[in-house]
Amino acid sequence: MIKVTKLNGELFYVNPFEMEFIEETPDTVISLKSGKKVLVAEKAETVIDRIVEFYRLTNSMPKVSRRKDRRHEHENDEDVFKD
């Protein structure tokens, strides 16, 4: 969990694994996978730094695929590995 501050000064903790994205509008808005949005006093960059530190301390990284799904682009798997 990472510590953040609501706009009224109240501290609370949020699970980085439940975050979908962060915006500055100009207030920082954390959007959760549940659809809930949380306004926080910290800048987005500060929240991101805390998330990175959380992953470092817990030795965990979210499983995100950065490659395009290409299952339908090739007849079979051998085509993918041809030079």
N, C-alpha and C. Protein backbone atom coordinates (compact mmCIF):
# COMPACT_ATOMS: atom_id res chain seq x y z
N MET A 1 0.84 -1.17 0.00
CA MET A 1 0.00 0.00 0.00
C MET A 1 0.89 1.24 0.00
N ILE A 2 0.39 2.30 -0.63
CA ILE A 2 1.12 3.56 -0.59
C ILE A 2 0.27 4.61 0.13
N LYS A 3 0.95 5.51 0.82
CA LYS A 3 0.26 6.56 1.58
C LYS A 3 0.03 7.76 0.67
N VAL A 4 -1.20 8.27 0.68
CA VAL A 4 -1.55 9.49 -0.04
C VAL A 4 -2.42 10.36 0.87
N THR A 5 -2.62 11.59 0.45
CA THR A 5 -3.36 12.55 1.26
C THR A 5 -4.57 13.06 0.48
N LYS A 6 -5.75 12.94 1.10
CA LYS A 6 -6.94 13.53 0.48
C LYS A 6 -6.81 15.04 0.51
N LEU A 7 -7.59 15.73 -0.30
CA LEU A 7 -7.52 17.19 -0.36
C LEU A 7 -7.84 17.85 0.97
N ASN A 8 -8.62 17.16 1.84
CA ASN A 8 -8.95 17.71 3.15
C ASN A 8 -7.86 17.45 4.20
N GLY A 9 -6.73 16.84 3.77
CA GLY A 9 -5.62 16.58 4.68
C GLY A 9 -5.62 15.20 5.31
N GLU A 10 -6.68 14.44 5.11
CA GLU A 10 -6.77 13.11 5.69
C GLU A 10 -5.83 12.14 4.95
N LEU A 11 -5.03 11.41 5.74
CA LEU A 11 -4.13 10.41 5.16
C LEU A 11 -4.88 9.10 4.94
N PHE A 12 -4.55 8.41 3.86
CA PHE A 12 -5.08 7.07 3.65
C PHE A 12 -4.13 6.30 2.76
N TYR A 13 -4.39 5.02 2.62
CA TYR A 13 -3.51 4.13 1.87
C TYR A 13 -4.28 3.50 0.72
N VAL A 14 -3.60 3.33 -0.39
CA VAL A 14 -4.23 2.75 -1.57
C VAL A 14 -3.31 1.66 -2.13
N ASN A 15 -3.92 0.63 -2.67
CA ASN A 15 -3.20 -0.51 -3.22
C ASN A 15 -2.79 -0.20 -4.66
N PRO A 16 -1.50 -0.13 -4.97
CA PRO A 16 -1.06 0.17 -6.33
C PRO A 16 -1.55 -0.83 -7.37
N PHE A 17 -1.78 -2.08 -6.96
CA PHE A 17 -2.26 -3.09 -7.90
C PHE A 17 -3.69 -2.80 -8.35
N GLU A 18 -4.41 -1.97 -7.59
CA GLU A 18 -5.79 -1.64 -7.94
C GLU A 18 -5.90 -0.35 -8.76
N MET A 19 -4.77 0.31 -8.99
CA MET A 19 -4.78 1.56 -9.76
C MET A 19 -4.80 1.26 -11.25
N GLU A 20 -5.60 2.05 -11.97
CA GLU A 20 -5.65 1.91 -13.43
C GLU A 20 -4.82 2.99 -14.10
N PHE A 21 -5.02 4.25 -13.68
CA PHE A 21 -4.20 5.34 -14.19
C PHE A 21 -4.29 6.54 -13.27
N ILE A 22 -3.37 7.51 -13.51
CA ILE A 22 -3.28 8.73 -12.69
C ILE A 22 -3.32 9.92 -13.63
N GLU A 23 -4.10 10.94 -13.27
CA GLU A 23 -4.21 12.16 -14.07
C GLU A 23 -3.96 13.38 -13.20
N GLU A 24 -3.53 14.47 -13.83
CA GLU A 24 -3.48 15.77 -13.17
C GLU A 24 -4.44 16.67 -13.94
N THR A 25 -5.47 17.18 -13.25
CA THR A 25 -6.55 17.89 -13.96
C THR A 25 -6.96 19.23 -13.38
N PRO A 26 -6.30 20.10 -12.74
CA PRO A 26 -4.91 20.06 -12.28
C PRO A 26 -4.73 19.26 -11.00
N ASP A 27 -5.82 18.95 -10.26
CA ASP A 27 -5.66 18.08 -9.09
C ASP A 27 -5.28 16.68 -9.56
N THR A 28 -4.61 15.95 -8.71
CA THR A 28 -4.22 14.58 -9.05
C THR A 28 -5.38 13.65 -8.77
N VAL A 29 -5.75 12.88 -9.78
CA VAL A 29 -6.86 11.94 -9.69
C VAL A 29 -6.32 10.53 -9.93
N ILE A 30 -6.54 9.64 -8.98
CA ILE A 30 -6.17 8.24 -9.13
C ILE A 30 -7.43 7.48 -9.49
N SER A 31 -7.42 6.83 -10.64
CA SER A 31 -8.55 6.01 -11.07
C SER A 31 -8.26 4.56 -10.74
N LEU A 32 -9.20 3.93 -10.05
CA LEU A 32 -9.04 2.55 -9.64
C LEU A 32 -9.75 1.62 -10.61
N LYS A 33 -9.36 0.36 -10.62
CA LYS A 33 -9.96 -0.63 -11.50
C LYS A 33 -11.46 -0.79 -11.23
N SER A 34 -11.88 -0.49 -10.01
CA SER A 34 -13.29 -0.60 -9.63
C SER A 34 -14.14 0.50 -10.26
N GLY A 35 -13.47 1.52 -10.83
CA GLY A 35 -14.19 2.66 -11.39
C GLY A 35 -14.20 3.86 -10.45
N LYS A 36 -13.82 3.66 -9.20
CA LYS A 36 -13.76 4.77 -8.25
C LYS A 36 -12.60 5.68 -8.61
N LYS A 37 -12.75 6.96 -8.29
CA LYS A 37 -11.71 7.95 -8.50
C LYS A 37 -11.40 8.60 -7.16
N VAL A 38 -10.11 8.84 -6.91
CA VAL A 38 -9.68 9.42 -5.65
C VAL A 38 -8.86 10.67 -5.95
N LEU A 39 -9.29 11.82 -5.38
CA LEU A 39 -8.52 13.06 -5.50
C LEU A 39 -7.50 13.11 -4.38
N VAL A 40 -6.24 13.38 -4.74
CA VAL A 40 -5.19 13.43 -3.72
C VAL A 40 -4.40 14.73 -3.85
N ALA A 41 -3.77 15.12 -2.75
CA ALA A 41 -3.01 16.37 -2.70
C ALA A 41 -1.65 16.25 -3.40
N GLU A 42 -1.09 15.04 -3.45
CA GLU A 42 0.23 14.84 -4.05
C GLU A 42 0.17 15.02 -5.56
N LYS A 43 1.28 15.46 -6.13
CA LYS A 43 1.42 15.53 -7.58
C LYS A 43 1.51 14.10 -8.13
N ALA A 44 1.13 13.92 -9.38
CA ALA A 44 1.17 12.59 -10.01
C ALA A 44 2.57 11.99 -9.93
N GLU A 45 3.58 12.80 -10.16
CA GLU A 45 4.96 12.31 -10.13
C GLU A 45 5.32 11.75 -8.76
N THR A 46 4.84 12.38 -7.69
CA THR A 46 5.09 11.88 -6.33
C THR A 46 4.40 10.54 -6.12
N VAL A 47 3.16 10.42 -6.58
CA VAL A 47 2.43 9.15 -6.45
C VAL A 47 3.17 8.06 -7.22
N ILE A 48 3.63 8.38 -8.43
CA ILE A 48 4.36 7.40 -9.24
C ILE A 48 5.65 6.98 -8.54
N ASP A 49 6.36 7.93 -7.96
CA ASP A 49 7.58 7.60 -7.21
C ASP A 49 7.27 6.64 -6.06
N ARG A 50 6.16 6.84 -5.39
CA ARG A 50 5.77 5.96 -4.28
C ARG A 50 5.40 4.57 -4.79
N ILE A 51 4.77 4.51 -5.96
CA ILE A 51 4.42 3.22 -6.56
C ILE A 51 5.70 2.46 -6.91
N VAL A 52 6.64 3.15 -7.55
CA VAL A 52 7.91 2.52 -7.91
C VAL A 52 8.63 2.00 -6.67
N GLU A 53 8.64 2.80 -5.62
CA GLU A 53 9.27 2.38 -4.36
C GLU A 53 8.54 1.17 -3.76
N PHE A 54 7.22 1.16 -3.84
CA PHE A 54 6.43 0.01 -3.37
C PHE A 54 6.85 -1.25 -4.11
N TYR A 55 6.94 -1.18 -5.43
CA TYR A 55 7.36 -2.34 -6.22
C TYR A 55 8.78 -2.77 -5.86
N ARG A 56 9.65 -1.81 -5.64
CA ARG A 56 11.04 -2.12 -5.28
C ARG A 56 11.08 -2.83 -3.92
N LEU A 57 10.35 -2.31 -2.94
CA LEU A 57 10.36 -2.90 -1.60
C LEU A 57 9.71 -4.27 -1.54
N THR A 58 8.70 -4.49 -2.36
CA THR A 58 7.99 -5.77 -2.35
C THR A 58 8.54 -6.73 -3.39
N ASN A 59 9.54 -6.25 -4.15
CA ASN A 59 10.15 -7.07 -5.20
C ASN A 59 9.07 -7.62 -6.15
N SER A 60 8.15 -6.76 -6.51
CA SER A 60 7.06 -7.16 -7.40
C SER A 60 6.90 -6.14 -8.51
N MET A 61 6.59 -6.62 -9.66
CA MET A 61 6.30 -5.76 -10.79
C MET A 61 4.99 -6.24 -11.38
N PRO A 62 4.13 -5.32 -11.80
CA PRO A 62 2.88 -5.77 -12.42
C PRO A 62 3.18 -6.50 -13.71
N LYS A 63 2.39 -7.50 -14.02
CA LYS A 63 2.58 -8.26 -15.24
C LYS A 63 1.85 -7.56 -16.37
N VAL A 64 2.61 -6.83 -17.17
CA VAL A 64 2.05 -6.06 -18.27
C VAL A 64 2.77 -6.47 -19.54
N SER A 65 2.02 -6.85 -20.53
CA SER A 65 2.62 -7.21 -21.81
C SER A 65 2.74 -5.95 -22.66
N ARG A 66 3.93 -5.70 -23.16
CA ARG A 66 4.15 -4.53 -23.99
C ARG A 66 4.14 -4.89 -25.47
N ARG A 67 3.97 -6.14 -25.78
CA ARG A 67 3.97 -6.50 -27.19
C ARG A 67 2.54 -6.73 -27.68
N LYS A 68 2.36 -6.48 -28.93
CA LYS A 68 1.06 -6.61 -29.56
C LYS A 68 0.68 -8.08 -29.66
N ASP A 69 -0.59 -8.38 -29.49
CA ASP A 69 -1.08 -9.74 -29.65
C ASP A 69 -1.05 -10.08 -31.14
N ARG A 70 -0.21 -11.03 -31.51
CA ARG A 70 -0.03 -11.35 -32.93
C ARG A 70 -0.50 -12.76 -33.27
N ARG A 71 -1.35 -13.32 -32.48
CA ARG A 71 -1.80 -14.70 -32.72
C ARG A 71 -2.46 -14.86 -34.07
N HIS A 72 -3.14 -13.84 -34.53
CA HIS A 72 -3.90 -13.98 -35.77
C HIS A 72 -3.16 -13.47 -36.99
N GLU A 73 -1.95 -12.99 -36.81
CA GLU A 73 -1.18 -12.46 -37.94
C GLU A 73 -0.40 -13.55 -38.67
N HIS A 74 -0.24 -14.72 -38.05
CA HIS A 74 0.58 -15.78 -38.62
C HIS A 74 -0.20 -17.08 -38.69
N GLU A 75 0.11 -17.86 -39.71
CA GLU A 75 -0.53 -19.16 -39.87
C GLU A 75 -0.16 -20.10 -38.73
N ASN A 76 1.14 -20.11 -38.37
CA ASN A 76 1.60 -20.96 -37.26
C ASN A 76 2.77 -20.28 -36.55
N ASP A 77 3.16 -20.84 -35.43
CA ASP A 77 4.21 -20.23 -34.61
C ASP A 77 5.56 -20.15 -35.32
N GLU A 78 5.84 -21.07 -36.23
CA GLU A 78 7.14 -21.06 -36.90
C GLU A 78 7.36 -19.78 -37.68
N ASP A 79 6.31 -19.20 -38.23
CA ASP A 79 6.43 -17.96 -39.01
C ASP A 79 6.97 -16.81 -38.16
N VAL A 80 6.68 -16.81 -36.90
CA VAL A 80 7.10 -15.73 -36.01
C VAL A 80 8.62 -15.71 -35.87
N PHE A 81 9.25 -16.89 -35.93
CA PHE A 81 10.68 -16.98 -35.67
C PHE A 81 11.55 -17.01 -36.91
N LYS A 82 10.98 -16.90 -38.10
CA LYS A 82 11.77 -16.88 -39.33
C LYS A 82 12.51 -15.56 -39.45
N ASP A 83 13.74 -15.61 -39.97
CA ASP A 83 14.53 -14.39 -40.18
C ASP A 83 14.06 -13.64 -41.39
